[in-house]
Protein backbone atom coordinates (compact mmCIF):
# COMPACT_ATOMS: atom_id res chain seq x y z
CA MET A 1 -52.74 -16.78 -25.50
CA ARG A 2 -51.69 -15.64 -28.40
CA GLN A 3 -49.24 -13.78 -26.48
CA SER A 4 -47.87 -16.79 -24.70
CA GLU A 5 -47.19 -17.77 -27.90
CA PHE A 6 -45.42 -14.90 -29.70
CA SER A 7 -43.12 -14.79 -26.56
CA LYS A 8 -42.12 -17.70 -26.43
CA SER A 9 -41.06 -17.84 -30.41
CA LYS A 10 -38.90 -14.80 -29.84
CA MET A 11 -37.21 -16.41 -26.97
CA GLY A 12 -36.79 -19.44 -29.14
CA ASP A 13 -35.70 -17.05 -31.64
CA ALA A 14 -32.99 -15.22 -29.41
CA LEU A 15 -31.39 -18.48 -27.59
CA PHE A 16 -30.77 -19.68 -31.47
CA LEU A 17 -28.91 -16.46 -32.26
CA LEU A 18 -26.80 -16.56 -28.53
CA ASN A 19 -26.12 -20.35 -29.42
CA ASN A 20 -24.35 -19.39 -33.08
CA VAL A 21 -22.81 -16.52 -32.50
CA PRO A 22 -19.41 -16.70 -34.25
CA ALA A 23 -15.88 -17.05 -32.20
CA LEU A 24 -14.46 -13.97 -31.63
CA SER A 25 -11.08 -13.54 -34.19
CA GLN A 26 -7.40 -13.66 -32.87
CA ASP A 27 -7.19 -9.82 -33.82
CA GLU A 28 -10.35 -8.84 -32.03
CA THR A 29 -10.06 -11.00 -29.04
CA MET A 30 -6.69 -9.26 -28.93
CA GLY A 31 -8.05 -5.62 -29.46
CA GLN A 32 -10.46 -6.11 -26.60
CA ILE A 33 -7.23 -7.18 -24.28
CA VAL A 34 -5.28 -3.83 -25.41
CA VAL A 35 -8.77 -1.58 -24.84
CA GLU A 36 -8.72 -3.40 -21.17
CA ILE A 37 -5.85 -2.80 -20.60
CA LEU A 38 -5.54 0.86 -21.80
CA ARG A 39 -8.73 1.61 -19.53
CA ALA A 40 -7.25 0.46 -16.50
CA GLY A 41 -4.54 2.63 -16.95
CA GLU A 42 -2.45 0.00 -16.83
CA ASN A 43 1.40 -0.13 -19.53
CA LEU A 44 0.97 -1.96 -22.88
CA ASP A 45 3.46 -4.81 -22.70
CA ARG A 46 3.68 -8.11 -23.14
CA ARG A 47 3.41 -8.78 -19.55
CA GLU A 48 -0.01 -7.37 -19.40
CA ILE A 49 -1.09 -8.72 -22.32
CA LEU A 50 0.18 -12.46 -21.07
CA LYS A 51 -1.50 -11.68 -17.72
CA LYS A 52 -4.97 -10.70 -19.51
CA LEU A 53 -4.69 -13.76 -21.58
CA VAL A 54 -4.09 -16.47 -18.63
CA GLY A 55 -6.87 -15.01 -17.21
CA ARG A 56 -9.29 -15.31 -19.60
CA ILE A 57 -8.18 -19.52 -19.98
CA GLU A 58 -9.61 -19.65 -16.61
CA LEU A 59 -12.44 -18.44 -17.12
CA ALA A 60 -13.00 -20.01 -20.22
CA ALA A 61 -16.35 -21.49 -20.86
CA SER A 62 -14.87 -24.25 -23.33
CA ALA A 63 -12.17 -26.39 -24.72
CA GLU A 64 -11.98 -24.66 -27.93
CA ASP A 65 -12.21 -20.62 -25.79
CA VAL A 66 -9.06 -22.77 -23.98
CA LYS A 67 -7.01 -23.53 -27.49
CA HIS A 68 -7.68 -20.22 -28.81
CA PHE A 69 -6.57 -17.96 -25.49
CA GLU A 70 -3.15 -20.59 -25.78
CA GLN A 71 -2.98 -19.90 -29.57
CA LEU A 72 -2.72 -15.80 -28.91
CA ILE A 73 -0.43 -16.75 -26.01
CA LEU A 74 1.91 -18.42 -28.47
CA VAL A 75 1.27 -15.57 -30.83
CA VAL A 76 2.56 -13.11 -28.13
CA LEU A 77 5.27 -14.97 -26.99
CA LYS A 78 6.76 -15.18 -30.72
CA SER A 79 6.32 -11.67 -31.76
CA GLU A 80 9.23 -8.77 -31.37
CA LEU A 81 7.70 -5.78 -29.87
């Protein structure tokens, strides 16, 4: 009986941590995208970065995530390479 109480407590702690994970910064998100592109052996250019960002918008779990990716799209479109 004591073990089941311990398990429930640990599970609650894990769920708390998962629900309170801070969102990735723009730099971290772009870093992940660049790594994905390079690992796939694709050319690293605006087109590929934009394709990845649009793909992430399609899979976004919340409006906040969509906004994050839309802001990154604007950054890529405004940047000079």
